[in-house]
Amino acid sequence: MPHKPLRTCAAPGCPSLTRSRYCDTHKTQQQEETKHYNKHSRNKTITSFYKSKDWKRTRQLALIRDNYLCQHCLKDHCFTPADMVHHIVEVKEDWAKRLDLYNLVSLCNACHNKVHGSKGK
């Protein structure tokens, strides 16, 4: 199986090349931040949902549908790999839409942060 291509670490300003999202230095830091977020900001039901096979399968379908490209960047004719799948209507706002493909959009980390930043979070 061929290796993934090297790309720049997703940590802002880090020039390190990696085959995963973060370089080894930032991977641990990101894991700690995620663990803290899951423990303090999400309820257990939502945390369990994001670990479920149903979510992982639906997430993969959304990425395939969107050709693994950030849909916001694509509107500006920029081809950026999607790092995540975003719920347009958040899970905590409408639980019934959590696995609805029409409620999902593939985004890069920067665009995902812009979306959540514009909501005042």
PDB file of N, CA and C in Angstrom:
ATOM      1  N   MET A   1       0.843  -1.182   0.000  1.00  0.00           N
ATOM      2  CA  MET A   1       0.000   0.000   0.000  1.00  0.00           C
ATOM      3  C   MET A   1       0.886   1.241   0.000  1.00  0.00           C
ATOM      4  N   PRO A   2       0.669   2.180  -0.915  1.00  0.00           N
ATOM      5  CA  PRO A   2       1.522   3.367  -0.989  1.00  0.00           C
ATOM      6  C   PRO A   2       1.319   4.281   0.224  1.00  0.00           C
ATOM      7  N   HIS A   3       2.374   5.000   0.553  1.00  0.00           N
ATOM      8  CA  HIS A   3       2.316   5.946   1.660  1.00  0.00           C
ATOM      9  C   HIS A   3       1.531   7.182   1.255  1.00  0.00           C
ATOM     10  N   LYS A   4       0.920   7.830   2.267  1.00  0.00           N
ATOM     11  CA  LYS A   4       0.276   9.111   2.016  1.00  0.00           C
ATOM     12  C   LYS A   4       1.377  10.122   1.692  1.00  0.00           C
ATOM     13  N   PRO A   5       1.073  11.131   0.877  1.00  0.00           N
ATOM     14  CA  PRO A   5       2.094  12.132   0.578  1.00  0.00           C
ATOM     15  C   PRO A   5       2.379  12.996   1.810  1.00  0.00           C
ATOM     16  N   LEU A   6       3.586  13.520   1.867  1.00  0.00           N
ATOM     17  CA  LEU A   6       3.941  14.431   2.956  1.00  0.00           C
ATOM     18  C   LEU A   6       3.228  15.755   2.762  1.00  0.00           C
ATOM     19  N   ARG A   7       2.781  16.343   3.878  1.00  0.00           N
ATOM     20  CA  ARG A   7       2.182  17.671   3.827  1.00  0.00           C
ATOM     21  C   ARG A   7       2.554  18.412   5.093  1.00  0.00           C
ATOM     22  N   THR A   8       2.366  19.704   5.078  1.00  0.00           N
ATOM     23  CA  THR A   8       2.722  20.541   6.211  1.00  0.00           C
ATOM     24  C   THR A   8       1.818  20.250   7.398  1.00  0.00           C
ATOM     25  N   CYS A   9       2.377  20.246   8.577  1.00  0.00           N
ATOM     26  CA  CYS A   9       1.634  20.055   9.815  1.00  0.00           C
ATOM     27  C   CYS A   9       0.498  21.076   9.894  1.00  0.00           C
ATOM     28  N   ALA A  10      -0.654  20.660  10.421  1.00  0.00           N
ATOM     29  CA  ALA A  10      -1.831  21.531  10.503  1.00  0.00           C
ATOM     30  C   ALA A  10      -1.729  22.566  11.624  1.00  0.00           C
ATOM     31  N   ALA A  11      -0.728  22.452  12.493  1.00  0.00           N
ATOM     32  CA  ALA A  11      -0.552  23.450  13.553  1.00  0.00           C
ATOM     33  C   ALA A  11      -0.117  24.775  12.914  1.00  0.00           C
ATOM     34  N   PRO A  12      -0.757  25.880  13.274  1.00  0.00           N
ATOM     35  CA  PRO A  12      -0.420  27.173  12.661  1.00  0.00           C
ATOM     36  C   PRO A  12       1.066  27.507  12.779  1.00  0.00           C
ATOM     37  N   GLY A  13       1.683  27.795  11.634  1.00  0.00           N
ATOM     38  CA  GLY A  13       3.078  28.220  11.595  1.00  0.00           C
ATOM     39  C   GLY A  13       4.104  27.109  11.661  1.00  0.00           C
ATOM     40  N   CYS A  14       3.685  25.874  11.778  1.00  0.00           N
ATOM     41  CA  CYS A  14       4.635  24.761  11.871  1.00  0.00           C
ATOM     42  C   CYS A  14       5.043  24.322  10.462  1.00  0.00           C
ATOM     43  N   PRO A  15       6.343  24.366  10.148  1.00  0.00           N
ATOM     44  CA  PRO A  15       6.794  23.997   8.805  1.00  0.00           C
ATOM     45  C   PRO A  15       7.088  22.497   8.643  1.00  0.00           C
ATOM     46  N   SER A  16       6.926  21.706   9.709  1.00  0.00           N
ATOM     47  CA  SER A  16       7.264  20.283   9.651  1.00  0.00           C
ATOM     48  C   SER A  16       6.375  19.537   8.656  1.00  0.00           C
ATOM     49  N   LEU A  17       6.983  18.563   7.987  1.00  0.00           N
ATOM     50  CA  LEU A  17       6.236  17.719   7.051  1.00  0.00           C
ATOM     51  C   LEU A  17       5.832  16.426   7.747  1.00  0.00           C
ATOM     52  N   THR A  18       4.630  15.962   7.455  1.00  0.00           N
ATOM     53  CA  THR A  18       4.105  14.763   8.090  1.00  0.00           C
ATOM     54  C   THR A  18       3.154  14.032   7.148  1.00  0.00           C
ATOM     55  N   ARG A  19       2.934  12.765   7.415  1.00  0.00           N
ATOM     56  CA  ARG A  19       1.957  12.003   6.627  1.00  0.00           C
ATOM     57  C   ARG A  19       0.591  12.009   7.304  1.00  0.00           C
ATOM     58  N   SER A  20       0.541  12.419   8.565  1.00  0.00           N
ATOM     59  CA  SER A  20      -0.740  12.532   9.259  1.00  0.00           C
ATOM     60  C   SER A  20      -1.087  14.022   9.352  1.00  0.00           C
ATOM     61  N   ARG A  21      -2.085  14.358  10.126  1.00  0.00           N
ATOM     62  CA  ARG A  21      -2.544  15.749  10.192  1.00  0.00           C
ATOM     63  C   ARG A  21      -1.543  16.649  10.912  1.00  0.00           C
ATOM     64  N   TYR A  22      -0.955  16.127  11.995  1.00  0.00           N
ATOM     65  CA  TYR A  22      -0.006  16.896  12.799  1.00  0.00           C
ATOM     66  C   TYR A  22       1.342  16.186  12.874  1.00  0.00           C
ATOM     67  N   CYS A  23       2.418  16.961  13.027  1.00  0.00           N
ATOM     68  CA  CYS A  23       3.744  16.389  13.251  1.00  0.00           C
ATOM     69  C   CYS A  23       3.765  15.775  14.651  1.00  0.00           C
ATOM     70  N   ASP A  24       4.793  15.012  14.949  1.00  0.00           N
ATOM     71  CA  ASP A  24       4.870  14.342  16.253  1.00  0.00           C
ATOM     72  C   ASP A  24       4.816  15.335  17.413  1.00  0.00           C
ATOM     73  N   THR A  25       5.423  16.503  17.242  1.00  0.00           N
ATOM     74  CA  THR A  25       5.437  17.508  18.302  1.00  0.00           C
ATOM     75  C   THR A  25       4.037  17.990  18.629  1.00  0.00           C
ATOM     76  N   HIS A  26       3.234  18.247  17.593  1.00  0.00           N
ATOM     77  CA  HIS A  26       1.903  18.805  17.804  1.00  0.00           C
ATOM     78  C   HIS A  26       0.812  17.758  17.978  1.00  0.00           C
ATOM     79  N   LYS A  27       1.108  16.500  17.622  1.00  0.00           N
ATOM     80  CA  LYS A  27       0.105  15.442  17.741  1.00  0.00           C
ATOM     81  C   LYS A  27      -0.329  15.266  19.193  1.00  0.00           C
ATOM     82  N   THR A  28       0.629  15.214  20.115  1.00  0.00           N
ATOM     83  CA  THR A  28       0.320  15.043  21.538  1.00  0.00           C
ATOM     84  C   THR A  28      -0.464  16.232  22.058  1.00  0.00           C
ATOM     85  N   GLN A  29      -0.054  17.432  21.674  1.00  0.00           N
ATOM     86  CA  GLN A  29      -0.750  18.646  22.106  1.00  0.00           C
ATOM     87  C   GLN A  29      -2.193  18.634  21.618  1.00  0.00           C
ATOM     88  N   GLN A  30      -2.413  18.247  20.381  1.00  0.00           N
ATOM     89  CA  GLN A  30      -3.759  18.203  19.809  1.00  0.00           C
ATOM     90  C   GLN A  30      -4.614  17.151  20.524  1.00  0.00           C
ATOM     91  N   GLN A  31      -4.018  16.010  20.840  1.00  0.00           N
ATOM     92  CA  GLN A  31      -4.757  14.963  21.545  1.00  0.00           C
ATOM     93  C   GLN A  31      -5.204  15.442  22.926  1.00  0.00           C
ATOM     94  N   GLU A  32      -4.335  16.175  23.605  1.00  0.00           N
ATOM     95  CA  GLU A  32      -4.690  16.710  24.928  1.00  0.00           C
ATOM     96  C   GLU A  32      -5.813  17.732  24.824  1.00  0.00           C
ATOM     97  N   GLU A  33      -5.752  18.602  23.811  1.00  0.00           N
ATOM     98  CA  GLU A  33      -6.803  19.600  23.616  1.00  0.00           C
ATOM     99  C   GLU A  33      -8.133  18.927  23.303  1.00  0.00           C
ATOM    100  N   THR A  34      -8.104  17.898  22.469  1.00  0.00           N
ATOM    101  CA  THR A  34      -9.325  17.166  22.121  1.00  0.00           C
ATOM    102  C   THR A  34      -9.898  16.479  23.349  1.00  0.00           C
ATOM    103  N   LYS A  35      -9.037  15.857  24.143  1.00  0.00           N
ATOM    104  CA  LYS A  35      -9.481  15.173  25.351  1.00  0.00           C
ATOM    105  C   LYS A  35     -10.141  16.169  26.312  1.00  0.00           C
ATOM    106  N   HIS A  36      -9.532  17.347  26.480  1.00  0.00           N
ATOM    107  CA  HIS A  36     -10.076  18.381  27.358  1.00  0.00           C
ATOM    108  C   HIS A  36     -11.418  18.870  26.828  1.00  0.00           C
ATOM    109  N   TYR A  37     -11.505  19.097  25.510  1.00  0.00           N
ATOM    110  CA  TYR A  37     -12.754  19.558  24.895  1.00  0.00           C
ATOM    111  C   TYR A  37     -13.861  18.530  25.109  1.00  0.00           C
ATOM    112  N   ASN A  38     -13.551  17.270  24.845  1.00  0.00           N
ATOM    113  CA  ASN A  38     -14.557  16.217  25.005  1.00  0.00           C
ATOM    114  C   ASN A  38     -15.024  16.086  26.453  1.00  0.00           C
ATOM    115  N   LYS A  39     -14.117  16.268  27.381  1.00  0.00           N
ATOM    116  CA  LYS A  39     -14.453  16.112  28.791  1.00  0.00           C
ATOM    117  C   LYS A  39     -15.257  17.290  29.329  1.00  0.00           C
ATOM    118  N   HIS A  40     -14.961  18.506  28.873  1.00  0.00           N
ATOM    119  CA  HIS A  40     -15.566  19.697  29.473  1.00  0.00           C
ATOM    120  C   HIS A  40     -16.633  20.379  28.609  1.00  0.00           C
ATOM    121  N   SER A  41     -16.652  20.149  27.304  1.00  0.00           N
ATOM    122  CA  SER A  41     -17.563  20.895  26.445  1.00  0.00           C
ATOM    123  C   SER A  41     -18.675  20.052  25.826  1.00  0.00           C
ATOM    124  N   ARG A  42     -18.487  18.764  25.753  1.00  0.00           N
ATOM    125  CA  ARG A  42     -19.496  17.906  25.141  1.00  0.00           C
ATOM    126  C   ARG A  42     -20.141  17.035  26.203  1.00  0.00           C
ATOM    127  N   ASN A  43     -21.405  16.719  25.978  1.00  0.00           N
ATOM    128  CA  ASN A  43     -22.005  15.756  26.891  1.00  0.00           C
ATOM    129  C   ASN A  43     -21.641  14.342  26.436  1.00  0.00           C
ATOM    130  N   LYS A  44     -21.883  13.357  27.269  1.00  0.00           N
ATOM    131  CA  LYS A  44     -21.444  11.988  26.986  1.00  0.00           C
ATOM    132  C   LYS A  44     -22.134  11.396  25.769  1.00  0.00           C
ATOM    133  N   THR A  45     -23.376  11.757  25.539  1.00  0.00           N
ATOM    134  CA  THR A  45     -24.116  11.222  24.394  1.00  0.00           C
ATOM    135  C   THR A  45     -23.466  11.681  23.091  1.00  0.00           C
ATOM    136  N   ILE A  46     -23.118  12.957  23.013  1.00  0.00           N
ATOM    137  CA  ILE A  46     -22.503  13.494  21.799  1.00  0.00           C
ATOM    138  C   ILE A  46     -21.097  12.930  21.618  1.00  0.00           C
ATOM    139  N   THR A  47     -20.340  12.819  22.684  1.00  0.00           N
ATOM    140  CA  THR A  47     -19.003  12.236  22.607  1.00  0.00           C
ATOM    141  C   THR A  47     -19.080  10.799  22.105  1.00  0.00           C
ATOM    142  N   SER A  48     -20.011  10.032  22.627  1.00  0.00           N
ATOM    143  CA  SER A  48     -20.188   8.641  22.179  1.00  0.00           C
ATOM    144  C   SER A  48     -20.587   8.590  20.710  1.00  0.00           C
ATOM    145  N   PHE A  49     -21.447   9.519  20.284  1.00  0.00           N
ATOM    146  CA  PHE A  49     -21.880   9.559  18.893  1.00  0.00           C
ATOM    147  C   PHE A  49     -20.684   9.715  17.954  1.00  0.00           C
ATOM    148  N   TYR A  50     -19.764  10.631  18.263  1.00  0.00           N
ATOM    149  CA  TYR A  50     -18.616  10.875  17.388  1.00  0.00           C
ATOM    150  C   TYR A  50     -17.628   9.707  17.359  1.00  0.00           C
ATOM    151  N   LYS A  51     -17.775   8.760  18.268  1.00  0.00           N
ATOM    152  CA  LYS A  51     -16.939   7.562  18.266  1.00  0.00           C
ATOM    153  C   LYS A  51     -17.661   6.371  17.623  1.00  0.00           C
ATOM    154  N   SER A  52     -18.924   6.550  17.238  1.00  0.00           N
ATOM    155  CA  SER A  52     -19.744   5.439  16.754  1.00  0.00           C
ATOM    156  C   SER A  52     -19.414   5.045  15.313  1.00  0.00           C
ATOM    157  N   LYS A  53     -19.716   3.784  14.991  1.00  0.00           N
ATOM    158  CA  LYS A  53     -19.538   3.296  13.625  1.00  0.00           C
ATOM    159  C   LYS A  53     -20.466   4.028  12.667  1.00  0.00           C
ATOM    160  N   ASP A  54     -21.679   4.341  13.123  1.00  0.00           N
ATOM    161  CA  ASP A  54     -22.632   5.058  12.261  1.00  0.00           C
ATOM    162  C   ASP A  54     -22.068   6.409  11.828  1.00  0.00           C
ATOM    163  N   TRP A  55     -21.482   7.156  12.788  1.00  0.00           N
ATOM    164  CA  TRP A  55     -20.906   8.452  12.445  1.00  0.00           C
ATOM    165  C   TRP A  55     -19.717   8.284  11.508  1.00  0.00           C
ATOM    166  N   LYS A  56     -18.827   7.356  11.801  1.00  0.00           N
ATOM    167  CA  LYS A  56     -17.635   7.160  10.975  1.00  0.00           C
ATOM    168  C   LYS A  56     -18.023   6.777   9.546  1.00  0.00           C
ATOM    169  N   ARG A  57     -19.046   5.960   9.405  1.00  0.00           N
ATOM    170  CA  ARG A  57     -19.524   5.553   8.078  1.00  0.00           C
ATOM    171  C   ARG A  57     -20.140   6.751   7.341  1.00  0.00           C
ATOM    172  N   THR A  58     -20.978   7.513   8.033  1.00  0.00           N
ATOM    173  CA  THR A  58     -21.632   8.671   7.417  1.00  0.00           C
ATOM    174  C   THR A  58     -20.609   9.752   7.068  1.00  0.00           C
ATOM    175  N   ARG A  59     -19.653   9.959   7.948  1.00  0.00           N
ATOM    176  CA  ARG A  59     -18.581  10.928   7.701  1.00  0.00           C
ATOM    177  C   ARG A  59     -17.821  10.560   6.426  1.00  0.00           C
ATOM    178  N   GLN A  60     -17.508   9.282   6.290  1.00  0.00           N
ATOM    179  CA  GLN A  60     -16.788   8.812   5.113  1.00  0.00           C
ATOM    180  C   GLN A  60     -17.611   9.031   3.840  1.00  0.00           C
ATOM    181  N   LEU A  61     -18.905   8.793   3.908  1.00  0.00           N
ATOM    182  CA  LEU A  61     -19.782   9.030   2.755  1.00  0.00           C
ATOM    183  C   LEU A  61     -19.790  10.505   2.348  1.00  0.00           C
ATOM    184  N   ALA A  62     -19.786  11.399   3.335  1.00  0.00           N
ATOM    185  CA  ALA A  62     -19.759  12.836   3.046  1.00  0.00           C
ATOM    186  C   ALA A  62     -18.434  13.223   2.384  1.00  0.00           C
ATOM    187  N   LEU A  63     -17.323  12.689   2.877  1.00  0.00           N
ATOM    188  CA  LEU A  63     -16.019  12.986   2.275  1.00  0.00           C
ATOM    189  C   LEU A  63     -15.950  12.477   0.836  1.00  0.00           C
ATOM    190  N   ILE A  64     -16.453  11.262   0.604  1.00  0.00           N
ATOM    191  CA  ILE A  64     -16.463  10.710  -0.752  1.00  0.00           C
ATOM    192  C   ILE A  64     -17.326  11.579  -1.656  1.00  0.00           C
ATOM    193  N   ARG A  65     -18.518  11.930  -1.186  1.00  0.00           N
ATOM    194  CA  ARG A  65     -19.427  12.784  -1.969  1.00  0.00           C
ATOM    195  C   ARG A  65     -18.744  14.095  -2.366  1.00  0.00           C
ATOM    196  N   ASP A  66     -17.976  14.668  -1.434  1.00  0.00           N
ATOM    197  CA  ASP A  66     -17.325  15.963  -1.651  1.00  0.00           C
ATOM    198  C   ASP A  66     -15.911  15.824  -2.220  1.00  0.00           C
ATOM    199  N   ASN A  67     -15.552  14.633  -2.670  1.00  0.00           N
ATOM    200  CA  ASN A  67     -14.235  14.372  -3.259  1.00  0.00           C
ATOM    201  C   ASN A  67     -13.076  14.743  -2.335  1.00  0.00           C
ATOM    202  N   TYR A  68     -13.298  14.607  -1.036  1.00  0.00           N
ATOM    203  CA  TYR A  68     -12.266  14.901  -0.026  1.00  0.00           C
ATOM    204  C   TYR A  68     -11.746  16.332  -0.125  1.00  0.00           C
ATOM    205  N   LEU A  69     -12.575  17.243  -0.622  1.00  0.00           N
ATOM    206  CA  LEU A  69     -12.179  18.650  -0.780  1.00  0.00           C
ATOM    207  C   LEU A  69     -13.038  19.547   0.091  1.00  0.00           C
ATOM    208  N   CYS A  70     -12.422  20.609   0.603  1.00  0.00           N
ATOM    209  CA  CYS A  70     -13.140  21.619   1.380  1.00  0.00           C
ATOM    210  C   CYS A  70     -14.125  22.327   0.447  1.00  0.00           C
ATOM    211  N   GLN A  71     -15.387  22.266   0.798  1.00  0.00           N
ATOM    212  CA  GLN A  71     -16.418  22.829  -0.064  1.00  0.00           C
ATOM    213  C   GLN A  71     -16.447  24.356  -0.025  1.00  0.00           C
ATOM    214  N   HIS A  72     -16.022  24.954   1.079  1.00  0.00           N
ATOM    215  CA  HIS A  72     -15.959  26.424   1.140  1.00  0.00           C
ATOM    216  C   HIS A  72     -14.817  26.949   0.267  1.00  0.00           C
ATOM    217  N   CYS A  73     -13.652  26.312   0.347  1.00  0.00           N
ATOM    218  CA  CYS A  73     -12.516  26.721  -0.492  1.00  0.00           C
ATOM    219  C   CYS A  73     -12.834  26.495  -1.968  1.00  0.00           C
ATOM    220  N   LEU A  74     -13.539  25.414  -2.252  1.00  0.00           N
ATOM    221  CA  LEU A  74     -13.879  25.074  -3.635  1.00  0.00           C
ATOM    222  C   LEU A  74     -14.718  26.164  -4.290  1.00  0.00           C
ATOM    223  N   LYS A  75     -15.566  26.839  -3.514  1.00  0.00           N
ATOM    224  CA  LYS A  75     -16.381  27.947  -4.052  1.00  0.00           C
ATOM    225  C   LYS A  75     -15.490  29.071  -4.571  1.00  0.00           C
ATOM    226  N   ASP A  76     -14.287  29.194  -3.993  1.00  0.00           N
ATOM    227  CA  ASP A  76     -13.314  30.213  -4.427  1.00  0.00           C
ATOM    228  C   ASP A  76     -12.305  29.625  -5.409  1.00  0.00           C
ATOM    229  N   HIS A  77     -12.620  28.463  -5.985  1.00  0.00           N
ATOM    230  CA  HIS A  77     -11.772  27.783  -6.968  1.00  0.00           C
ATOM    231  C   HIS A  77     -10.421  27.398  -6.384  1.00  0.00           C
ATOM    232  N   CYS A  78     -10.406  27.065  -5.099  1.00  0.00           N
ATOM    233  CA  CYS A  78      -9.191  26.640  -4.417  1.00  0.00           C
ATOM    234  C   CYS A  78      -9.379  25.190  -3.983  1.00  0.00           C
ATOM    235  N   PHE A  79      -8.456  24.316  -4.333  1.00  0.00           N
ATOM    236  CA  PHE A  79      -8.560  22.899  -4.034  1.00  0.00           C
ATOM    237  C   PHE A  79      -7.793  22.574  -2.757  1.00  0.00           C
ATOM    238  N   THR A  80      -8.500  22.546  -1.642  1.00  0.00           N
ATOM    239  CA  THR A  80      -7.911  22.285  -0.328  1.00  0.00           C
ATOM    240  C   THR A  80      -8.465  20.971   0.211  1.00  0.00           C
ATOM    241  N   PRO A  81      -7.599  20.062   0.673  1.00  0.00           N
ATOM    242  CA  PRO A  81      -8.105  18.801   1.234  1.00  0.00           C
ATOM    243  C   PRO A  81      -8.998  19.067   2.451  1.00  0.00           C
ATOM    244  N   ALA A  82     -10.077  18.321   2.552  1.00  0.00           N
ATOM    245  CA  ALA A  82     -10.975  18.432   3.704  1.00  0.00           C
ATOM    246  C   ALA A  82     -10.379  17.651   4.875  1.00  0.00           C
ATOM    247  N   ASP A  83     -10.331  18.289   6.034  1.00  0.00           N
ATOM    248  CA  ASP A  83      -9.826  17.650   7.244  1.00  0.00           C
ATOM    249  C   ASP A  83     -10.960  17.086   8.093  1.00  0.00           C
ATOM    250  N   MET A  84     -12.160  17.644   7.922  1.00  0.00           N
ATOM    251  CA  MET A  84     -13.260  17.250   8.785  1.00  0.00           C
ATOM    252  C   MET A  84     -14.594  17.378   8.084  1.00  0.00           C
ATOM    253  N   VAL A  85     -15.608  16.816   8.704  1.00  0.00           N
ATOM    254  CA  VAL A  85     -16.972  16.919   8.201  1.00  0.00           C
ATOM    255  C   VAL A  85     -17.766  17.710   9.239  1.00  0.00           C
ATOM    256  N   HIS A  86     -18.402  18.772   8.788  1.00  0.00           N
ATOM    257  CA  HIS A  86     -19.098  19.716   9.657  1.00  0.00           C
ATOM    258  C   HIS A  86     -20.608  19.514   9.589  1.00  0.00           C
ATOM    259  N   HIS A  87     -21.256  19.555  10.745  1.00  0.00           N
ATOM    260  CA  HIS A  87     -22.718  19.550  10.806  1.00  0.00           C
ATOM    261  C   HIS A  87     -23.205  20.987  10.596  1.00  0.00           C
ATOM    262  N   ILE A  88     -23.987  21.217   9.574  1.00  0.00           N
ATOM    263  CA  ILE A  88     -24.532  22.551   9.302  1.00  0.00           C
ATOM    264  C   ILE A  88     -25.455  22.955  10.449  1.00  0.00           C
ATOM    265  N   VAL A  89     -26.399  22.088  10.783  1.00  0.00           N
ATOM    266  CA  VAL A  89     -27.200  22.258  11.995  1.00  0.00           C
ATOM    267  C   VAL A  89     -26.547  21.343  13.020  1.00  0.00           C
ATOM    268  N   GLU A  90     -26.040  21.927  14.091  1.00  0.00           N
ATOM    269  CA  GLU A  90     -25.255  21.165  15.060  1.00  0.00           C
ATOM    270  C   GLU A  90     -26.057  20.045  15.713  1.00  0.00           C
ATOM    271  N   VAL A  91     -25.346  19.011  16.112  1.00  0.00           N
ATOM    272  CA  VAL A  91     -25.950  17.838  16.738  1.00  0.00           C
ATOM    273  C   VAL A  91     -26.742  18.238  17.979  1.00  0.00           C
ATOM    274  N   LYS A  92     -26.187  19.134  18.781  1.00  0.00           N
ATOM    275  CA  LYS A  92     -26.879  19.520  20.014  1.00  0.00           C
ATOM    276  C   LYS A  92     -28.138  20.342  19.739  1.00  0.00           C
ATOM    277  N   GLU A  93     -28.242  20.920  18.529  1.00  0.00           N
ATOM    278  CA  GLU A  93     -29.438  21.686  18.164  1.00  0.00           C
ATOM    279  C   GLU A  93     -30.533  20.793  17.594  1.00  0.00           C
ATOM    280  N   ASP A  94     -30.153  19.766  16.826  1.00  0.00           N
ATOM    281  CA  ASP A  94     -31.138  18.856  16.232  1.00  0.00           C
ATOM    282  C   ASP A  94     -30.534  17.461  16.103  1.00  0.00           C
ATOM    283  N   TRP A  95     -30.760  16.646  17.110  1.00  0.00           N
ATOM    284  CA  TRP A  95     -30.209  15.298  17.176  1.00  0.00           C
ATOM    285  C   TRP A  95     -30.630  14.460  15.971  1.00  0.00           C
ATOM    286  N   ALA A  96     -31.820  14.685  15.457  1.00  0.00           N
ATOM    287  CA  ALA A  96     -32.349  13.888  14.346  1.00  0.00           C
ATOM    288  C   ALA A  96     -31.535  14.076  13.061  1.00  0.00           C
ATOM    289  N   LYS A  97     -30.818  15.173  12.921  1.00  0.00           N
ATOM    290  CA  LYS A  97     -30.046  15.453  11.705  1.00  0.00           C
ATOM    291  C   LYS A  97     -28.593  14.992  11.787  1.00  0.00           C
ATOM    292  N   ARG A  98     -28.236  14.286  12.838  1.00  0.00           N
ATOM    293  CA  ARG A  98     -26.826  13.928  13.066  1.00  0.00           C
ATOM    294  C   ARG A  98     -26.228  13.054  11.970  1.00  0.00           C
ATOM    295  N   LEU A  99     -27.046  12.222  11.322  1.00  0.00           N
ATOM    296  CA  LEU A  99     -26.546  11.333  10.265  1.00  0.00           C
ATOM    297  C   LEU A  99     -27.116  11.689   8.896  1.00  0.00           C
ATOM    298  N   ASP A 100     -27.692  12.868   8.766  1.00  0.00           N
ATOM    299  CA  ASP A 100     -28.290  13.327   7.513  1.00  0.00           C
ATOM    300  C   ASP A 100     -27.198  13.894   6.605  1.00  0.00           C
ATOM    301  N   LEU A 101     -26.942  13.233   5.478  1.00  0.00           N
ATOM    302  CA  LEU A 101     -25.883  13.691   4.556  1.00  0.00           C
ATOM    303  C   LEU A 101     -26.121  15.113   4.054  1.00  0.00           C
ATOM    304  N   TYR A 102     -27.375  15.527   3.964  1.00  0.00           N
ATOM    305  CA  TYR A 102     -27.685  16.888   3.509  1.00  0.00           C
ATOM    306  C   TYR A 102     -27.330  17.931   4.566  1.00  0.00           C
ATOM    307  N   ASN A 103     -27.079  17.482   5.793  1.00  0.00           N
ATOM    308  CA  ASN A 103     -26.696  18.377   6.879  1.00  0.00           C
ATOM    309  C   ASN A 103     -25.180  18.381   7.105  1.00  0.00           C
ATOM    310  N   LEU A 104     -24.435  17.728   6.216  1.00  0.00           N
ATOM    311  CA  LEU A 104     -22.991  17.616   6.383  1.00  0.00           C
ATOM    312  C   LEU A 104     -22.256  18.275   5.230  1.00  0.00           C
ATOM    313  N   VAL A 105     -21.123  18.873   5.547  1.00  0.00           N
ATOM    314  CA  VAL A 105     -20.271  19.474   4.527  1.00  0.00           C
ATOM    315  C   VAL A 105     -18.816  19.230   4.914  1.00  0.00           C
ATOM    316  N   SER A 106     -18.005  18.866   3.934  1.00  0.00           N
ATOM    317  CA  SER A 106     -16.576  18.622   4.162  1.00  0.00           C
ATOM    318  C   SER A 106     -15.840  19.959   4.159  1.00  0.00           C
ATOM    319  N   LEU A 107     -15.017  20.171   5.178  1.00  0.00           N
ATOM    320  CA  LEU A 107     -14.289  21.431   5.316  1.00  0.00           C
ATOM    321  C   LEU A 107     -12.834  21.194   5.715  1.00  0.00           C
ATOM    322  N   CYS A 108     -11.981  22.152   5.364  1.00  0.00           N
ATOM    323  CA  CYS A 108     -10.619  22.151   5.894  1.00  0.00           C
ATOM    324  C   CYS A 108     -10.682  22.732   7.312  1.00  0.00           C
ATOM    325  N   ASN A 109      -9.635  22.562   8.065  1.00  0.00           N
ATOM    326  CA  ASN A 109      -9.613  23.042   9.441  1.00  0.00           C
ATOM    327  C   ASN A 109      -9.822  24.557   9.518  1.00  0.00           C
ATOM    328  N   ALA A 110      -9.198  25.302   8.607  1.00  0.00           N
ATOM    329  CA  ALA A 110      -9.316  26.768   8.637  1.00  0.00           C
ATOM    330  C   ALA A 110     -10.764  27.211   8.413  1.00  0.00           C
ATOM    331  N   CYS A 111     -11.435  26.615   7.439  1.00  0.00           N
ATOM    332  CA  CYS A 111     -12.830  26.985   7.169  1.00  0.00           C
ATOM    333  C   CYS A 111     -13.745  26.547   8.309  1.00  0.00           C
ATOM    334  N   HIS A 112     -13.459  25.394   8.898  1.00  0.00           N
ATOM    335  CA  HIS A 112     -14.266  24.937  10.034  1.00  0.00           C
ATOM    336  C   HIS A 112     -14.138  25.917  11.192  1.00  0.00           C
ATOM    337  N   ASN A 113     -12.924  26.392  11.431  1.00  0.00           N
ATOM    338  CA  ASN A 113     -12.717  27.372  12.497  1.00  0.00           C
ATOM    339  C   ASN A 113     -13.432  28.687  12.181  1.00  0.00           C
ATOM    340  N   LYS A 114     -13.449  29.099  10.916  1.00  0.00           N
ATOM    341  CA  LYS A 114     -14.175  30.312  10.517  1.00  0.00           C
ATOM    342  C   LYS A 114     -15.664  30.162  10.770  1.00  0.00           C
ATOM    343  N   VAL A 115     -16.223  29.006  10.413  1.00  0.00           N
ATOM    344  CA  VAL A 115     -17.656  28.758  10.621  1.00  0.00           C
ATOM    345  C   VAL A 115     -18.001  28.860  12.103  1.00  0.00           C
ATOM    346  N   HIS A 116     -17.213  28.216  12.946  1.00  0.00           N
ATOM    347  CA  HIS A 116     -17.506  28.258  14.369  1.00  0.00           C
ATOM    348  C   HIS A 116     -17.159  29.614  14.978  1.00  0.00           C
ATOM    349  N   GLY A 117     -16.165  30.285  14.436  1.00  0.00           N
ATOM    350  CA  GLY A 117     -15.815  31.623  14.915  1.00  0.00           C
ATOM    351  C   GLY A 117     -16.914  32.621  14.610  1.00  0.00           C
ATOM    352  N   SER A 118     -17.573  32.454  13.453  1.00  0.00           N
ATOM    353  CA  SER A 118     -18.625  33.392  13.061  1.00  0.00           C
ATOM    354  C   SER A 118     -19.891  33.200  13.887  1.00  0.00           C
ATOM    355  N   LYS A 119     -19.975  32.068  14.613  1.00  0.00           N
ATOM    356  CA  LYS A 119     -21.138  31.827  15.471  1.00  0.00           C
ATOM    357  C   LYS A 119     -20.902  32.385  16.877  1.00  0.00           C
ATOM    358  N   GLY A 120     -19.747  33.016  17.060  1.00  0.00           N
ATOM    359  CA  GLY A 120     -19.453  33.616  18.356  1.00  0.00           C
ATOM    360  C   GLY A 120     -18.929  32.628  19.381  1.00  0.00           C
ATOM    361  N   LYS A 121     -18.368  31.523  18.932  1.00  0.00           N
ATOM    362  CA  LYS A 121     -17.839  30.516  19.866  1.00  0.00           C
ATOM    363  C   LYS A 121     -16.390  30.779  20.173  1.00  0.00           C
TER     364      LYS A 121
END
